[in-house]
Amino acid sequence: MSNKRTAVDVYMSIVYKWGVLALVTAAMCATITFVTEKALGLYSNVSWLPLGIFAAMDVGAYVNIVSS
């Protein structure tokens, strides 16, 4: 059995990593914006706990993608 990777396999592995990285980066930008707006007094009906959980999930996903 051959362990050779085809050009499609290599392309998909690169595109998948950069695609997921782009999505996670967009989510991090949204988190930073949301936290900033919350700190400035907007979104007073949203508590800090769900916002912290959202931020922690984004940081965890970002670290996971960058480290792989």
N, C-alpha and C. Protein backbone atom coordinates (compact mmCIF):
# COMPACT_ATOMS: atom_id res chain seq x y z
N MET A 1 0.84 -1.17 0.00
CA MET A 1 0.00 0.00 0.00
C MET A 1 0.89 1.25 0.00
N SER A 2 0.49 2.25 -0.75
CA SER A 2 1.30 3.45 -0.90
C SER A 2 0.82 4.54 0.06
N ASN A 3 1.78 5.25 0.64
CA ASN A 3 1.46 6.35 1.55
C ASN A 3 1.56 7.70 0.87
N LYS A 4 1.60 7.73 -0.44
CA LYS A 4 1.71 8.98 -1.17
C LYS A 4 0.42 9.79 -1.04
N ARG A 5 0.61 11.08 -0.87
CA ARG A 5 -0.54 11.98 -0.82
C ARG A 5 -0.73 12.59 -2.20
N THR A 6 -1.96 12.65 -2.62
CA THR A 6 -2.23 13.24 -3.93
C THR A 6 -2.22 14.76 -3.80
N ALA A 7 -2.21 15.41 -4.93
CA ALA A 7 -2.23 16.87 -4.94
C ALA A 7 -3.51 17.40 -4.31
N VAL A 8 -4.60 16.69 -4.51
CA VAL A 8 -5.88 17.10 -3.92
C VAL A 8 -5.83 17.00 -2.40
N ASP A 9 -5.22 15.95 -1.89
CA ASP A 9 -5.09 15.79 -0.43
C ASP A 9 -4.27 16.93 0.17
N VAL A 10 -3.17 17.27 -0.45
CA VAL A 10 -2.31 18.35 0.04
C VAL A 10 -3.07 19.67 -0.02
N TYR A 11 -3.72 19.93 -1.15
CA TYR A 11 -4.48 21.17 -1.32
C TYR A 11 -5.58 21.29 -0.28
N MET A 12 -6.33 20.22 -0.07
CA MET A 12 -7.44 20.26 0.89
C MET A 12 -6.93 20.46 2.32
N SER A 13 -5.80 19.87 2.66
CA SER A 13 -5.30 20.04 4.02
C SER A 13 -4.88 21.49 4.25
N ILE A 14 -4.30 22.12 3.24
CA ILE A 14 -3.88 23.52 3.38
C ILE A 14 -5.10 24.43 3.39
N VAL A 15 -6.00 24.23 2.46
CA VAL A 15 -7.19 25.09 2.37
C VAL A 15 -8.06 24.94 3.61
N TYR A 16 -8.20 23.72 4.10
CA TYR A 16 -9.02 23.50 5.29
C TYR A 16 -8.44 24.26 6.49
N LYS A 17 -7.14 24.17 6.70
CA LYS A 17 -6.52 24.84 7.84
C LYS A 17 -6.70 26.35 7.74
N TRP A 18 -6.43 26.93 6.58
CA TRP A 18 -6.57 28.37 6.42
C TRP A 18 -8.02 28.82 6.47
N GLY A 19 -8.93 27.99 5.97
CA GLY A 19 -10.35 28.32 6.03
C GLY A 19 -10.86 28.35 7.46
N VAL A 20 -10.49 27.35 8.23
CA VAL A 20 -10.90 27.31 9.63
C VAL A 20 -10.24 28.44 10.40
N LEU A 21 -8.99 28.73 10.10
CA LEU A 21 -8.30 29.84 10.76
C LEU A 21 -8.99 31.17 10.46
N ALA A 22 -9.44 31.35 9.24
CA ALA A 22 -10.16 32.58 8.88
C ALA A 22 -11.47 32.69 9.65
N LEU A 23 -12.20 31.60 9.76
CA LEU A 23 -13.46 31.61 10.50
C LEU A 23 -13.25 31.90 11.98
N VAL A 24 -12.25 31.28 12.57
CA VAL A 24 -11.97 31.48 14.00
C VAL A 24 -11.49 32.92 14.24
N THR A 25 -10.69 33.45 13.32
CA THR A 25 -10.23 34.84 13.45
C THR A 25 -11.41 35.80 13.37
N ALA A 26 -12.35 35.54 12.48
CA ALA A 26 -13.55 36.37 12.39
C ALA A 26 -14.35 36.31 13.69
N ALA A 27 -14.44 35.13 14.27
CA ALA A 27 -15.15 35.00 15.55
C ALA A 27 -14.41 35.74 16.66
N MET A 28 -13.08 35.71 16.64
CA MET A 28 -12.30 36.46 17.64
C MET A 28 -12.52 37.97 17.48
N CYS A 29 -12.59 38.44 16.26
CA CYS A 29 -12.87 39.87 16.03
C CYS A 29 -14.24 40.24 16.56
N ALA A 30 -15.21 39.36 16.35
CA ALA A 30 -16.56 39.60 16.87
C ALA A 30 -16.55 39.61 18.39
N THR A 31 -15.79 38.72 19.00
CA THR A 31 -15.71 38.68 20.45
C THR A 31 -15.08 39.95 21.00
N ILE A 32 -13.99 40.38 20.39
CA ILE A 32 -13.32 41.60 20.84
C ILE A 32 -14.25 42.80 20.71
N THR A 33 -14.96 42.87 19.59
CA THR A 33 -15.91 43.97 19.39
C THR A 33 -17.02 43.93 20.42
N PHE A 34 -17.58 42.75 20.65
CA PHE A 34 -18.69 42.60 21.58
C PHE A 34 -18.26 42.95 23.00
N VAL A 35 -17.08 42.48 23.42
CA VAL A 35 -16.58 42.79 24.77
C VAL A 35 -16.33 44.29 24.91
N THR A 36 -15.77 44.90 23.88
CA THR A 36 -15.51 46.34 23.92
C THR A 36 -16.81 47.13 24.03
N GLU A 37 -17.80 46.75 23.24
CA GLU A 37 -19.09 47.44 23.29
C GLU A 37 -19.79 47.22 24.63
N LYS A 38 -19.65 46.02 25.17
CA LYS A 38 -20.23 45.74 26.50
C LYS A 38 -19.53 46.59 27.56
N ALA A 39 -18.23 46.72 27.47
CA ALA A 39 -17.48 47.52 28.44
C ALA A 39 -17.83 49.00 28.32
N LEU A 40 -18.21 49.44 27.14
CA LEU A 40 -18.60 50.84 26.94
C LEU A 40 -20.04 51.13 27.33
N GLY A 41 -20.76 50.10 27.77
CA GLY A 41 -22.10 50.31 28.28
C GLY A 41 -23.22 49.86 27.35
N LEU A 42 -22.89 49.40 26.18
CA LEU A 42 -23.91 48.86 25.29
C LEU A 42 -24.25 47.43 25.71
N TYR A 43 -25.33 46.91 25.22
CA TYR A 43 -25.76 45.54 25.53
C TYR A 43 -25.88 45.31 27.03
N SER A 44 -26.54 46.21 27.70
CA SER A 44 -26.67 46.08 29.15
C SER A 44 -27.54 44.88 29.55
N ASN A 45 -28.35 44.38 28.63
CA ASN A 45 -29.20 43.24 28.96
C ASN A 45 -28.47 41.90 28.83
N VAL A 46 -27.24 41.90 28.37
CA VAL A 46 -26.43 40.68 28.27
C VAL A 46 -25.48 40.65 29.45
N SER A 47 -25.49 39.54 30.19
CA SER A 47 -24.60 39.44 31.34
C SER A 47 -23.18 39.07 30.88
N TRP A 48 -22.22 39.24 31.78
CA TRP A 48 -20.83 38.99 31.45
C TRP A 48 -20.51 37.49 31.35
N LEU A 49 -21.26 36.65 32.05
CA LEU A 49 -20.95 35.22 32.06
C LEU A 49 -21.04 34.59 30.66
N PRO A 50 -22.16 34.75 29.94
CA PRO A 50 -22.18 34.16 28.59
C PRO A 50 -21.13 34.77 27.66
N LEU A 51 -20.86 36.03 27.85
CA LEU A 51 -19.84 36.69 27.03
C LEU A 51 -18.46 36.11 27.33
N GLY A 52 -18.18 35.84 28.59
CA GLY A 52 -16.92 35.20 28.96
C GLY A 52 -16.80 33.80 28.41
N ILE A 53 -17.89 33.05 28.44
CA ILE A 53 -17.88 31.70 27.88
C ILE A 53 -17.63 31.75 26.37
N PHE A 54 -18.29 32.68 25.70
CA PHE A 54 -18.10 32.86 24.27
C PHE A 54 -16.64 33.19 23.95
N ALA A 55 -16.06 34.08 24.73
CA ALA A 55 -14.66 34.46 24.52
C ALA A 55 -13.73 33.28 24.79
N ALA A 56 -14.00 32.52 25.84
CA ALA A 56 -13.15 31.37 26.16
C ALA A 56 -13.20 30.31 25.06
N MET A 57 -14.38 30.09 24.49
CA MET A 57 -14.50 29.13 23.40
C MET A 57 -13.72 29.59 22.18
N ASP A 58 -13.77 30.88 21.89
CA ASP A 58 -13.03 31.41 20.75
C ASP A 58 -11.52 31.29 20.96
N VAL A 59 -11.06 31.63 22.15
CA VAL A 59 -9.63 31.53 22.44
C VAL A 59 -9.18 30.07 22.35
N GLY A 60 -9.98 29.17 22.89
CA GLY A 60 -9.65 27.74 22.83
C GLY A 60 -9.57 27.22 21.41
N ALA A 61 -10.52 27.63 20.58
CA ALA A 61 -10.51 27.21 19.18
C ALA A 61 -9.32 27.79 18.44
N TYR A 62 -9.00 29.04 18.72
CA TYR A 62 -7.87 29.70 18.07
C TYR A 62 -6.56 29.02 18.44
N VAL A 63 -6.38 28.74 19.71
CA VAL A 63 -5.15 28.07 20.15
C VAL A 63 -5.06 26.68 19.54
N ASN A 64 -6.17 25.98 19.45
CA ASN A 64 -6.19 24.65 18.87
C ASN A 64 -5.79 24.69 17.40
N ILE A 65 -6.29 25.63 16.65
CA ILE A 65 -5.98 25.72 15.23
C ILE A 65 -4.53 26.16 15.02
N VAL A 66 -4.08 27.15 15.75
CA VAL A 66 -2.72 27.66 15.56
C VAL A 66 -1.67 26.63 15.96
N SER A 67 -1.95 25.85 17.00
CA SER A 67 -0.97 24.88 17.47
C SER A 67 -0.89 23.63 16.60
N SER A 68 -1.88 23.41 15.75
CA SER A 68 -1.84 22.18 14.91
C SER A 68 -1.15 22.41 13.60
